[in-house]
């Protein structure tokens, strides 16, 4: 398998996308927050589901950071550290948001040239 995020393996992209979706689905279900699924569904209607992968493609360091963020959430949950899991998930969501915003900004600048 190609290195994470090197853009050379469509199978890796598909696997990452499936694993990412499953990870987030489990977190949402485990949260017990009844509003969260509809908030996320609305977000997914506003942004293409693939935008995070596109922003990570060809950027192995960022892809590895994304995977490490997932691992931090999982580790906190496995320890029973709800506050730590929440902090790790907030940091992950913020990092993903910044990654996507930076991608949109780069592409808007390129389109304006």
N, C-alpha and C. Protein backbone atom coordinates (compact mmCIF):
# COMPACT_ATOMS: atom_id res chain seq x y z
N UNK A 1 0.86 -1.19 0.00
CA UNK A 1 0.00 0.00 0.00
C UNK A 1 0.89 1.24 0.00
N UNK A 2 0.45 2.23 -0.69
CA UNK A 2 1.20 3.49 -0.76
C UNK A 2 1.18 4.18 0.59
N UNK A 3 2.11 5.09 0.79
CA UNK A 3 2.17 5.85 2.03
C UNK A 3 0.92 6.70 2.18
N UNK A 4 0.51 6.89 3.41
CA UNK A 4 -0.70 7.67 3.70
C UNK A 4 -0.62 9.03 3.06
N UNK A 5 -1.64 9.31 2.25
CA UNK A 5 -1.76 10.65 1.69
C UNK A 5 -0.83 10.95 0.53
N UNK A 6 -0.15 9.92 -0.02
CA UNK A 6 0.77 10.25 -1.10
C UNK A 6 0.06 10.39 -2.45
N UNK A 7 -1.25 10.11 -2.45
CA UNK A 7 -2.02 10.30 -3.65
C UNK A 7 -1.82 9.21 -4.68
N UNK A 8 -0.99 8.19 -4.40
CA UNK A 8 -0.69 7.16 -5.37
C UNK A 8 -1.53 5.92 -5.28
N UNK A 9 -2.47 5.87 -4.39
CA UNK A 9 -3.22 4.64 -4.21
C UNK A 9 -4.69 4.98 -3.95
N UNK A 10 -5.51 4.79 -4.99
CA UNK A 10 -6.93 5.07 -4.83
C UNK A 10 -7.56 4.16 -3.77
N UNK A 11 -7.04 2.94 -3.64
CA UNK A 11 -7.53 2.02 -2.62
C UNK A 11 -7.32 2.59 -1.23
N UNK A 12 -6.15 3.23 -1.03
CA UNK A 12 -5.90 3.83 0.28
C UNK A 12 -6.90 4.94 0.55
N UNK A 13 -7.21 5.73 -0.45
CA UNK A 13 -8.18 6.82 -0.28
C UNK A 13 -9.54 6.26 0.10
N UNK A 14 -9.95 5.20 -0.58
CA UNK A 14 -11.23 4.57 -0.28
C UNK A 14 -11.23 4.00 1.13
N UNK A 15 -10.14 3.32 1.50
CA UNK A 15 -10.03 2.74 2.84
C UNK A 15 -10.04 3.83 3.91
N UNK A 16 -9.27 4.90 3.66
CA UNK A 16 -9.23 6.00 4.63
C UNK A 16 -10.61 6.61 4.80
N UNK A 17 -11.28 6.85 3.68
CA UNK A 17 -12.60 7.47 3.73
C UNK A 17 -13.58 6.60 4.51
N UNK A 18 -13.58 5.31 4.24
CA UNK A 18 -14.47 4.39 4.97
C UNK A 18 -14.15 4.35 6.45
N UNK A 19 -12.87 4.27 6.77
CA UNK A 19 -12.45 4.24 8.18
C UNK A 19 -12.78 5.55 8.88
N UNK A 20 -12.57 6.66 8.19
CA UNK A 20 -12.88 7.97 8.77
C UNK A 20 -14.38 8.08 9.06
N UNK A 21 -15.20 7.68 8.09
CA UNK A 21 -16.65 7.73 8.29
C UNK A 21 -17.07 6.85 9.46
N UNK A 22 -16.53 5.64 9.52
CA UNK A 22 -16.88 4.72 10.60
C UNK A 22 -16.45 5.28 11.96
N UNK A 23 -15.25 5.82 12.02
CA UNK A 23 -14.75 6.41 13.27
C UNK A 23 -15.69 7.49 13.76
N UNK A 24 -16.03 8.42 12.87
CA UNK A 24 -16.89 9.53 13.27
C UNK A 24 -18.30 9.07 13.61
N UNK A 25 -18.80 8.08 12.88
CA UNK A 25 -20.14 7.54 13.17
C UNK A 25 -20.18 6.94 14.58
N UNK A 26 -19.16 6.18 14.94
CA UNK A 26 -19.10 5.58 16.28
C UNK A 26 -19.03 6.66 17.35
N UNK A 27 -18.23 7.67 17.13
CA UNK A 27 -18.10 8.76 18.10
C UNK A 27 -19.44 9.47 18.28
N UNK A 28 -20.11 9.76 17.17
CA UNK A 28 -21.41 10.45 17.24
C UNK A 28 -22.42 9.59 18.00
N UNK A 29 -22.47 8.32 17.68
CA UNK A 29 -23.41 7.42 18.36
C UNK A 29 -23.09 7.32 19.85
N UNK A 30 -21.82 7.24 20.18
CA UNK A 30 -21.41 7.10 21.58
C UNK A 30 -21.61 8.38 22.38
N UNK A 31 -21.69 9.51 21.68
CA UNK A 31 -21.80 10.79 22.39
C UNK A 31 -23.11 10.93 23.15
N UNK A 32 -24.15 10.26 22.68
CA UNK A 32 -25.45 10.40 23.32
C UNK A 32 -26.10 11.75 23.05
N UNK A 33 -25.49 12.54 22.20
CA UNK A 33 -26.02 13.86 21.86
C UNK A 33 -27.05 13.68 20.75
N UNK A 34 -28.31 13.91 21.06
CA UNK A 34 -29.38 13.66 20.10
C UNK A 34 -29.38 14.63 18.93
N UNK A 35 -28.83 15.82 19.12
CA UNK A 35 -28.79 16.82 18.04
C UNK A 35 -27.60 16.65 17.11
N UNK A 36 -26.54 16.06 17.60
CA UNK A 36 -25.30 15.97 16.82
C UNK A 36 -25.48 15.30 15.45
N UNK A 37 -26.22 14.19 15.34
CA UNK A 37 -26.37 13.60 14.01
C UNK A 37 -26.99 14.56 12.99
N UNK A 38 -27.97 15.35 13.39
CA UNK A 38 -28.57 16.28 12.42
C UNK A 38 -27.64 17.44 12.11
N UNK A 39 -26.85 17.89 13.08
CA UNK A 39 -25.88 18.95 12.83
C UNK A 39 -24.84 18.46 11.81
N UNK A 40 -24.37 17.25 11.99
CA UNK A 40 -23.37 16.70 11.08
C UNK A 40 -23.98 16.45 9.70
N UNK A 41 -25.22 15.98 9.65
CA UNK A 41 -25.89 15.78 8.36
C UNK A 41 -25.99 17.11 7.61
N UNK A 42 -26.32 18.18 8.31
CA UNK A 42 -26.39 19.50 7.67
C UNK A 42 -25.02 19.93 7.17
N UNK A 43 -23.98 19.67 7.95
CA UNK A 43 -22.62 20.00 7.53
C UNK A 43 -22.25 19.26 6.25
N UNK A 44 -22.62 17.97 6.21
CA UNK A 44 -22.29 17.16 5.04
C UNK A 44 -23.07 17.60 3.80
N UNK A 45 -24.20 18.24 3.98
CA UNK A 45 -24.93 18.79 2.84
C UNK A 45 -24.25 20.05 2.31
N UNK A 46 -23.55 20.75 3.18
CA UNK A 46 -22.88 22.00 2.80
C UNK A 46 -21.51 21.77 2.17
N UNK A 47 -20.83 20.71 2.56
CA UNK A 47 -19.49 20.43 2.08
C UNK A 47 -19.45 19.02 1.51
N UNK A 48 -18.78 18.83 0.39
CA UNK A 48 -18.66 17.47 -0.15
C UNK A 48 -17.99 16.55 0.86
N UNK A 49 -18.43 15.32 0.91
CA UNK A 49 -17.86 14.35 1.87
C UNK A 49 -16.38 14.11 1.63
N UNK A 50 -15.95 14.29 0.40
CA UNK A 50 -14.56 13.98 0.06
C UNK A 50 -13.61 15.14 0.31
N UNK A 51 -14.09 16.27 0.79
CA UNK A 51 -13.24 17.46 0.87
C UNK A 51 -12.05 17.25 1.81
N UNK A 52 -12.23 16.53 2.90
CA UNK A 52 -11.10 16.30 3.80
C UNK A 52 -10.04 15.45 3.12
N UNK A 53 -10.48 14.39 2.43
CA UNK A 53 -9.52 13.54 1.74
C UNK A 53 -8.77 14.34 0.68
N UNK A 54 -9.50 15.14 -0.09
CA UNK A 54 -8.86 15.95 -1.13
C UNK A 54 -7.82 16.88 -0.51
N UNK A 55 -8.15 17.46 0.64
CA UNK A 55 -7.21 18.37 1.32
C UNK A 55 -5.99 17.62 1.84
N UNK A 56 -6.15 16.34 2.17
CA UNK A 56 -5.03 15.54 2.69
C UNK A 56 -4.20 14.88 1.59
N UNK A 57 -4.80 14.68 0.42
CA UNK A 57 -4.14 13.95 -0.66
C UNK A 57 -2.80 14.58 -1.02
N UNK A 58 -1.79 13.74 -1.13
CA UNK A 58 -0.46 14.21 -1.49
C UNK A 58 0.27 14.91 -0.37
N UNK A 59 -0.30 14.85 0.83
CA UNK A 59 0.32 15.52 1.98
C UNK A 59 0.45 14.51 3.13
N UNK A 60 1.41 13.60 3.03
CA UNK A 60 1.51 12.50 3.98
C UNK A 60 1.62 12.94 5.44
N UNK A 61 2.32 14.03 5.70
CA UNK A 61 2.44 14.49 7.09
C UNK A 61 1.07 14.83 7.66
N UNK A 62 0.27 15.54 6.89
CA UNK A 62 -1.06 15.93 7.37
C UNK A 62 -1.97 14.71 7.52
N UNK A 63 -1.86 13.76 6.59
CA UNK A 63 -2.66 12.53 6.69
C UNK A 63 -2.27 11.76 7.96
N UNK A 64 -0.98 11.69 8.24
CA UNK A 64 -0.52 10.99 9.44
C UNK A 64 -0.98 11.71 10.70
N UNK A 65 -0.99 13.05 10.67
CA UNK A 65 -1.50 13.81 11.82
C UNK A 65 -2.98 13.51 12.05
N UNK A 66 -3.74 13.41 10.96
CA UNK A 66 -5.17 13.11 11.06
C UNK A 66 -5.38 11.75 11.72
N UNK A 67 -4.62 10.77 11.29
CA UNK A 67 -4.72 9.43 11.86
C UNK A 67 -4.31 9.46 13.34
N UNK A 68 -3.27 10.21 13.67
CA UNK A 68 -2.82 10.33 15.06
C UNK A 68 -3.88 11.00 15.93
N UNK A 69 -4.61 11.95 15.36
CA UNK A 69 -5.70 12.59 16.11
C UNK A 69 -6.78 11.57 16.43
N UNK A 70 -7.12 10.73 15.47
CA UNK A 70 -8.09 9.66 15.73
C UNK A 70 -7.59 8.74 16.84
N UNK A 71 -6.31 8.40 16.77
CA UNK A 71 -5.73 7.51 17.78
C UNK A 71 -5.79 8.14 19.16
N UNK A 72 -5.60 9.45 19.26
CA UNK A 72 -5.67 10.13 20.56
C UNK A 72 -7.07 10.07 21.14
N UNK A 73 -8.07 10.23 20.29
CA UNK A 73 -9.47 10.14 20.75
C UNK A 73 -9.73 8.72 21.23
N UNK A 74 -9.35 7.76 20.43
CA UNK A 74 -9.58 6.35 20.77
C UNK A 74 -8.87 5.98 22.08
N UNK A 75 -7.63 6.40 22.23
CA UNK A 75 -6.87 6.07 23.44
C UNK A 75 -7.55 6.66 24.68
N UNK A 76 -8.02 7.87 24.58
CA UNK A 76 -8.72 8.49 25.72
C UNK A 76 -9.99 7.72 26.05
N UNK A 77 -10.73 7.32 25.03
CA UNK A 77 -11.95 6.53 25.27
C UNK A 77 -11.62 5.19 25.91
N UNK A 78 -10.57 4.55 25.44
CA UNK A 78 -10.16 3.25 26.00
C UNK A 78 -9.74 3.38 27.46
N UNK A 79 -9.19 4.54 27.83
CA UNK A 79 -8.79 4.79 29.23
C UNK A 79 -10.00 5.17 30.09
N UNK A 80 -11.13 5.43 29.44
CA UNK A 80 -12.29 5.90 30.17
C UNK A 80 -12.19 7.37 30.52
N UNK A 81 -11.37 8.09 29.80
CA UNK A 81 -11.13 9.51 30.04
C UNK A 81 -12.03 10.35 29.13
N UNK A 82 -13.26 10.57 29.56
CA UNK A 82 -14.24 11.29 28.73
C UNK A 82 -13.78 12.72 28.45
N UNK A 83 -13.24 13.39 29.44
CA UNK A 83 -12.78 14.77 29.24
C UNK A 83 -11.61 14.80 28.26
N UNK A 84 -10.71 13.86 28.37
CA UNK A 84 -9.58 13.79 27.44
C UNK A 84 -10.04 13.47 26.03
N UNK A 85 -11.03 12.58 25.90
CA UNK A 85 -11.58 12.25 24.58
C UNK A 85 -12.24 13.48 23.97
N UNK A 86 -12.95 14.21 24.79
CA UNK A 86 -13.62 15.42 24.28
C UNK A 86 -12.57 16.44 23.81
N UNK A 87 -11.54 16.65 24.61
CA UNK A 87 -10.47 17.59 24.21
C UNK A 87 -9.81 17.15 22.91
N UNK A 88 -9.52 15.85 22.83
CA UNK A 88 -8.87 15.33 21.62
C UNK A 88 -9.79 15.46 20.40
N UNK A 89 -11.08 15.23 20.60
CA UNK A 89 -12.02 15.33 19.48
C UNK A 89 -12.20 16.79 19.05
N UNK A 90 -12.27 17.69 20.01
CA UNK A 90 -12.37 19.12 19.67
C UNK A 90 -11.14 19.55 18.88
N UNK A 91 -9.95 19.13 19.33
CA UNK A 91 -8.72 19.48 18.62
C UNK A 91 -8.73 18.89 17.20
N UNK A 92 -9.22 17.67 17.06
CA UNK A 92 -9.29 17.02 15.75
C UNK A 92 -10.25 17.76 14.82
N UNK A 93 -11.42 18.09 15.31
CA UNK A 93 -12.41 18.79 14.48
C UNK A 93 -11.88 20.17 14.08
N UNK A 94 -11.24 20.86 15.02
CA UNK A 94 -10.66 22.17 14.68
C UNK A 94 -9.55 22.03 13.64
N UNK A 95 -8.70 21.04 13.80
CA UNK A 95 -7.61 20.84 12.83
C UNK A 95 -8.18 20.50 11.45
N UNK A 96 -9.20 19.66 11.41
CA UNK A 96 -9.82 19.32 10.12
C UNK A 96 -10.46 20.54 9.49
N UNK A 97 -11.12 21.36 10.31
CA UNK A 97 -11.73 22.58 9.79
C UNK A 97 -10.69 23.52 9.21
N UNK A 98 -9.57 23.67 9.91
CA UNK A 98 -8.50 24.53 9.43
C UNK A 98 -7.88 23.98 8.14
N UNK A 99 -7.74 22.67 8.08
CA UNK A 99 -7.20 22.02 6.88
C UNK A 99 -8.10 22.29 5.68
N UNK A 100 -9.39 22.11 5.85
CA UNK A 100 -10.34 22.31 4.76
C UNK A 100 -10.41 23.79 4.38
N UNK A 101 -10.43 24.67 5.37
CA UNK A 101 -10.46 26.12 5.08
C UNK A 101 -9.22 26.53 4.30
N UNK A 102 -8.06 26.02 4.68
CA UNK A 102 -6.82 26.35 3.96
C UNK A 102 -6.87 25.83 2.53
N UNK A 103 -7.44 24.64 2.34
CA UNK A 103 -7.56 24.08 1.00
C UNK A 103 -8.45 24.98 0.13
N UNK A 104 -9.61 25.38 0.67
CA UNK A 104 -10.50 26.26 -0.09
C UNK A 104 -9.82 27.59 -0.40
N UNK A 105 -9.09 28.13 0.56
CA UNK A 105 -8.40 29.40 0.35
C UNK A 105 -7.36 29.29 -0.76
N UNK A 106 -6.55 28.22 -0.72
CA UNK A 106 -5.53 28.01 -1.76
C UNK A 106 -6.17 27.91 -3.14
N UNK A 107 -7.26 27.16 -3.22
CA UNK A 107 -7.90 26.97 -4.52
C UNK A 107 -8.63 28.23 -5.00
N UNK A 108 -9.14 29.02 -4.09
CA UNK A 108 -9.75 30.28 -4.47
C UNK A 108 -8.70 31.23 -5.02
N UNK A 109 -7.53 31.25 -4.38
CA UNK A 109 -6.44 32.12 -4.86
C UNK A 109 -5.95 31.66 -6.23
N UNK A 110 -5.84 30.36 -6.41
CA UNK A 110 -5.40 29.84 -7.71
C UNK A 110 -6.42 30.17 -8.80
N UNK A 111 -7.69 30.09 -8.48
CA UNK A 111 -8.73 30.37 -9.45
C UNK A 111 -8.76 31.85 -9.82
N UNK A 112 -8.35 32.70 -8.88
CA UNK A 112 -8.37 34.15 -9.12
C UNK A 112 -7.20 34.60 -10.00
N UNK A 113 -6.24 33.75 -10.20
CA UNK A 113 -5.05 34.14 -11.00
C UNK A 113 -5.35 34.19 -12.46
